[in-house]
Amino acid sequence: MIEKPVKVLVAKIGLDGHDRGAKVIARALKDAGMEVVYTGIRQTPEQVVLSAIEEDVDVIGVSILSGAHVHHIKRLMELLEKEGANDIPVVVGGTIPIPDVDKLKEMGVKEVFLPGTSLKYIVDVVRRLAKERSSVGGHN
């Protein structure tokens, strides 16, 4: 049986128009053999959840630099719950103040990647989360 590649949605939520980091991450994930759906800038939590469900992704990665991460991620997690898709692991990257890392994890975010996190570590975490999800029957 051929194993299908991990499928990751990479999204920019809110008014933040800076997407260089998200594109670097998307390229690293692609180079690691993953399928990447990049939604572009200025997405709403509603658009991200809809895309994640429609695309049947294994992991959602959100890049935020705007400072509105707690607000947007709270809404994203609520919508995933409402849609019955809260089994999709969410990771967040960007300029997140250290005190907010625990807040995001309390909301259900699986990992927070701060500036300087190695691409190898990000790829490894995304791959592990996708594998964990498929092993509990959430996907694949």
C-alpha atoms as a PDB file:
ATOM      1  CA  MET A   1       0.000   0.000   0.000  1.00  0.00           C
ATOM      2  CA  ILE A   2       1.362   3.400  -0.982  1.00  0.00           C
ATOM      3  CA  GLU A   3       1.389   5.952   1.791  1.00  0.00           C
ATOM      4  CA  LYS A   4      -0.040   9.272   0.699  1.00  0.00           C
ATOM      5  CA  PRO A   5       1.930  12.409   1.517  1.00  0.00           C
ATOM      6  CA  VAL A   6       1.113  14.521   4.534  1.00  0.00           C
ATOM      7  CA  LYS A   7      -1.181  17.382   3.492  1.00  0.00           C
ATOM      8  CA  VAL A   8      -0.721  20.724   5.277  1.00  0.00           C
ATOM      9  CA  LEU A   9      -2.706  23.936   5.021  1.00  0.00           C
ATOM     10  CA  VAL A  10      -0.535  27.026   5.538  1.00  0.00           C
ATOM     11  CA  ALA A  11      -2.534  30.167   6.268  1.00  0.00           C
ATOM     12  CA  LYS A  12      -2.108  33.831   7.132  1.00  0.00           C
ATOM     13  CA  ILE A  13      -5.000  35.048   9.294  1.00  0.00           C
ATOM     14  CA  GLY A  14      -5.936  38.687   9.785  1.00  0.00           C
ATOM     15  CA  LEU A  15      -4.698  41.893   8.241  1.00  0.00           C
ATOM     16  CA  ASP A  16      -1.036  40.930   8.313  1.00  0.00           C
ATOM     17  CA  GLY A  17       0.303  41.157   4.760  1.00  0.00           C
ATOM     18  CA  HIS A  18       3.800  39.852   5.486  1.00  0.00           C
ATOM     19  CA  ASP A  19       3.996  36.338   4.055  1.00  0.00           C
ATOM     20  CA  ARG A  20       7.688  35.643   3.506  1.00  0.00           C
ATOM     21  CA  GLY A  21       7.897  33.349   6.549  1.00  0.00           C
ATOM     22  CA  ALA A  22       4.787  31.425   5.534  1.00  0.00           C
ATOM     23  CA  LYS A  23       6.202  30.907   2.059  1.00  0.00           C
ATOM     24  CA  VAL A  24       9.548  29.714   3.453  1.00  0.00           C
ATOM     25  CA  ILE A  25       7.710  27.193   5.647  1.00  0.00           C
ATOM     26  CA  ALA A  26       5.479  26.091   2.757  1.00  0.00           C
ATOM     27  CA  ARG A  27       8.563  25.482   0.592  1.00  0.00           C
ATOM     28  CA  ALA A  28      10.329  23.532   3.355  1.00  0.00           C
ATOM     29  CA  LEU A  29       7.275  21.320   3.832  1.00  0.00           C
ATOM     30  CA  LYS A  30       7.024  20.736   0.054  1.00  0.00           C
ATOM     31  CA  ASP A  31      10.739  19.953  -0.128  1.00  0.00           C
ATOM     32  CA  ALA A  32      10.168  17.380   2.636  1.00  0.00           C
ATOM     33  CA  GLY A  33       7.623  15.616   0.405  1.00  0.00           C
ATOM     34  CA  MET A  34       4.432  17.076   1.859  1.00  0.00           C
ATOM     35  CA  GLU A  35       1.511  18.443  -0.098  1.00  0.00           C
ATOM     36  CA  VAL A  36       0.954  22.087   0.844  1.00  0.00           C
ATOM     37  CA  VAL A  37      -2.150  24.195   0.390  1.00  0.00           C
ATOM     38  CA  TYR A  38      -1.192  27.854   0.816  1.00  0.00           C
ATOM     39  CA  THR A  39      -4.277  30.038   1.267  1.00  0.00           C
ATOM     40  CA  GLY A  40      -2.535  33.392   0.897  1.00  0.00           C
ATOM     41  CA  ILE A  41      -2.737  36.505   3.042  1.00  0.00           C
ATOM     42  CA  ARG A  42      -5.625  38.152   4.878  1.00  0.00           C
ATOM     43  CA  GLN A  43      -7.656  35.025   5.530  1.00  0.00           C
ATOM     44  CA  THR A  44     -10.382  34.826   8.160  1.00  0.00           C
ATOM     45  CA  PRO A  45     -10.584  31.942  10.640  1.00  0.00           C
ATOM     46  CA  GLU A  46     -13.795  30.927   8.825  1.00  0.00           C
ATOM     47  CA  GLN A  47     -11.975  30.723   5.474  1.00  0.00           C
ATOM     48  CA  VAL A  48      -9.146  28.700   6.993  1.00  0.00           C
ATOM     49  CA  VAL A  49     -11.480  26.157   8.596  1.00  0.00           C
ATOM     50  CA  LEU A  50     -13.520  25.820   5.401  1.00  0.00           C
ATOM     51  CA  SER A  51     -10.364  25.310   3.327  1.00  0.00           C
ATOM     52  CA  ALA A  52      -8.953  22.785   5.812  1.00  0.00           C
ATOM     53  CA  ILE A  53     -12.145  20.720   5.669  1.00  0.00           C
ATOM     54  CA  GLU A  54     -12.556  21.001   1.885  1.00  0.00           C
ATOM     55  CA  GLU A  55      -8.915  20.102   1.262  1.00  0.00           C
ATOM     56  CA  ASP A  56      -8.984  17.272   3.848  1.00  0.00           C
ATOM     57  CA  VAL A  57      -5.699  18.346   5.399  1.00  0.00           C
ATOM     58  CA  ASP A  58      -3.694  16.539   8.062  1.00  0.00           C
ATOM     59  CA  VAL A  59      -2.346  19.671   9.805  1.00  0.00           C
ATOM     60  CA  ILE A  60      -3.160  23.398   9.825  1.00  0.00           C
ATOM     61  CA  GLY A  61      -0.236  25.811  10.087  1.00  0.00           C
ATOM     62  CA  VAL A  62      -0.999  29.454  10.832  1.00  0.00           C
ATOM     63  CA  SER A  63       1.564  32.233  10.439  1.00  0.00           C
ATOM     64  CA  ILE A  64       0.833  35.416  12.388  1.00  0.00           C
ATOM     65  CA  LEU A  65       2.892  38.559  12.799  1.00  0.00           C
ATOM     66  CA  SER A  66       0.096  41.066  13.429  1.00  0.00           C
ATOM     67  CA  GLY A  67      -0.210  40.694  17.193  1.00  0.00           C
ATOM     68  CA  ALA A  68      -3.818  39.483  16.978  1.00  0.00           C
ATOM     69  CA  HIS A  69      -2.847  35.821  17.355  1.00  0.00           C
ATOM     70  CA  VAL A  70      -4.805  35.093  20.572  1.00  0.00           C
ATOM     71  CA  HIS A  71      -8.031  36.523  19.140  1.00  0.00           C
ATOM     72  CA  HIS A  72      -7.732  34.810  15.754  1.00  0.00           C
ATOM     73  CA  ILE A  73      -6.565  31.439  17.065  1.00  0.00           C
ATOM     74  CA  LYS A  74      -9.339  31.370  19.683  1.00  0.00           C
ATOM     75  CA  ARG A  75     -11.876  31.850  16.876  1.00  0.00           C
ATOM     76  CA  LEU A  76     -10.163  29.274  14.657  1.00  0.00           C
ATOM     77  CA  MET A  77     -10.237  26.653  17.417  1.00  0.00           C
ATOM     78  CA  GLU A  78     -13.908  27.403  18.183  1.00  0.00           C
ATOM     79  CA  LEU A  79     -14.817  26.963  14.524  1.00  0.00           C
ATOM     80  CA  LEU A  80     -12.895  23.699  14.216  1.00  0.00           C
ATOM     81  CA  GLU A  81     -14.828  22.414  17.245  1.00  0.00           C
ATOM     82  CA  LYS A  82     -18.162  23.617  15.823  1.00  0.00           C
ATOM     83  CA  GLU A  83     -17.474  21.921  12.491  1.00  0.00           C
ATOM     84  CA  GLY A  84     -16.372  18.661  14.117  1.00  0.00           C
ATOM     85  CA  ALA A  85     -12.876  19.111  12.730  1.00  0.00           C
ATOM     86  CA  ASN A  86     -11.027  19.716  15.988  1.00  0.00           C
ATOM     87  CA  ASP A  87      -9.042  16.540  15.366  1.00  0.00           C
ATOM     88  CA  ILE A  88      -6.960  18.497  12.839  1.00  0.00           C
ATOM     89  CA  PRO A  89      -3.807  19.575  14.694  1.00  0.00           C
ATOM     90  CA  VAL A  90      -3.019  23.288  14.581  1.00  0.00           C
ATOM     91  CA  VAL A  91       0.464  24.795  14.776  1.00  0.00           C
ATOM     92  CA  VAL A  92       1.235  28.504  14.904  1.00  0.00           C
ATOM     93  CA  GLY A  93       4.355  30.388  13.914  1.00  0.00           C
ATOM     94  CA  GLY A  94       5.438  33.981  13.939  1.00  0.00           C
ATOM     95  CA  THR A  95       6.301  36.763  16.297  1.00  0.00           C
ATOM     96  CA  ILE A  96       4.457  35.423  19.316  1.00  0.00           C
ATOM     97  CA  PRO A  97       5.311  36.936  22.710  1.00  0.00           C
ATOM     98  CA  ILE A  98       6.615  34.240  25.069  1.00  0.00           C
ATOM     99  CA  PRO A  99       3.757  34.739  27.593  1.00  0.00           C
ATOM    100  CA  ASP A 100       1.231  33.985  24.822  1.00  0.00           C
ATOM    101  CA  VAL A 101       2.736  30.601  23.917  1.00  0.00           C
ATOM    102  CA  ASP A 102       1.025  28.908  26.870  1.00  0.00           C
ATOM    103  CA  LYS A 103      -2.255  30.726  26.109  1.00  0.00           C
ATOM    104  CA  LEU A 104      -2.221  29.326  22.584  1.00  0.00           C
ATOM    105  CA  LYS A 105      -1.412  25.816  23.799  1.00  0.00           C
ATOM    106  CA  GLU A 106      -4.240  26.028  26.346  1.00  0.00           C
ATOM    107  CA  MET A 107      -6.570  26.745  23.406  1.00  0.00           C
ATOM    108  CA  GLY A 108      -5.438  23.500  21.786  1.00  0.00           C
ATOM    109  CA  VAL A 109      -2.547  24.614  19.569  1.00  0.00           C
ATOM    110  CA  LYS A 110      -0.111  21.693  19.380  1.00  0.00           C
ATOM    111  CA  GLU A 111       3.080  23.696  18.846  1.00  0.00           C
ATOM    112  CA  VAL A 112       4.194  27.311  18.553  1.00  0.00           C
ATOM    113  CA  PHE A 113       7.202  28.090  16.367  1.00  0.00           C
ATOM    114  CA  LEU A 114       9.019  31.285  17.306  1.00  0.00           C
ATOM    115  CA  PRO A 115      11.470  33.195  15.088  1.00  0.00           C
ATOM    116  CA  GLY A 116      14.653  31.192  14.650  1.00  0.00           C
ATOM    117  CA  THR A 117      12.996  27.758  14.893  1.00  0.00           C
ATOM    118  CA  SER A 118      14.796  25.400  12.521  1.00  0.00           C
ATOM    119  CA  LEU A 119      12.991  24.261   9.391  1.00  0.00           C
ATOM    120  CA  LYS A 120      13.966  20.675  10.202  1.00  0.00           C
ATOM    121  CA  TYR A 121      12.231  20.910  13.589  1.00  0.00           C
ATOM    122  CA  ILE A 122       9.081  22.372  11.998  1.00  0.00           C
ATOM    123  CA  VAL A 123       9.002  19.627   9.350  1.00  0.00           C
ATOM    124  CA  ASP A 124       9.541  16.932  12.007  1.00  0.00           C
ATOM    125  CA  VAL A 125       6.749  18.282  14.241  1.00  0.00           C
ATOM    126  CA  VAL A 126       4.273  18.571  11.361  1.00  0.00           C
ATOM    127  CA  ARG A 127       5.088  15.048  10.193  1.00  0.00           C
ATOM    128  CA  ARG A 128       4.709  13.671  13.764  1.00  0.00           C
ATOM    129  CA  LEU A 129       1.356  15.427  14.302  1.00  0.00           C
ATOM    130  CA  ALA A 130       0.001  14.097  11.003  1.00  0.00           C
ATOM    131  CA  LYS A 131       1.149  10.589  11.893  1.00  0.00           C
ATOM    132  CA  GLU A 132      -0.398  10.805  15.371  1.00  0.00           C
ATOM    133  CA  ARG A 133      -3.678  11.968  13.877  1.00  0.00           C
ATOM    134  CA  SER A 134      -3.794   9.138  11.332  1.00  0.00           C
ATOM    135  CA  SER A 135      -2.919   6.550  14.004  1.00  0.00           C
ATOM    136  CA  VAL A 136      -5.957   7.510  16.101  1.00  0.00           C
ATOM    137  CA  GLY A 137      -8.280   7.189  13.137  1.00  0.00           C
ATOM    138  CA  GLY A 138      -8.682  10.872  12.454  1.00  0.00           C
ATOM    139  CA  HIS A 139      -7.473  10.652   8.884  1.00  0.00           C
ATOM    140  CA  ASN A 140      -5.878   8.620   6.057  1.00  0.00           C
END
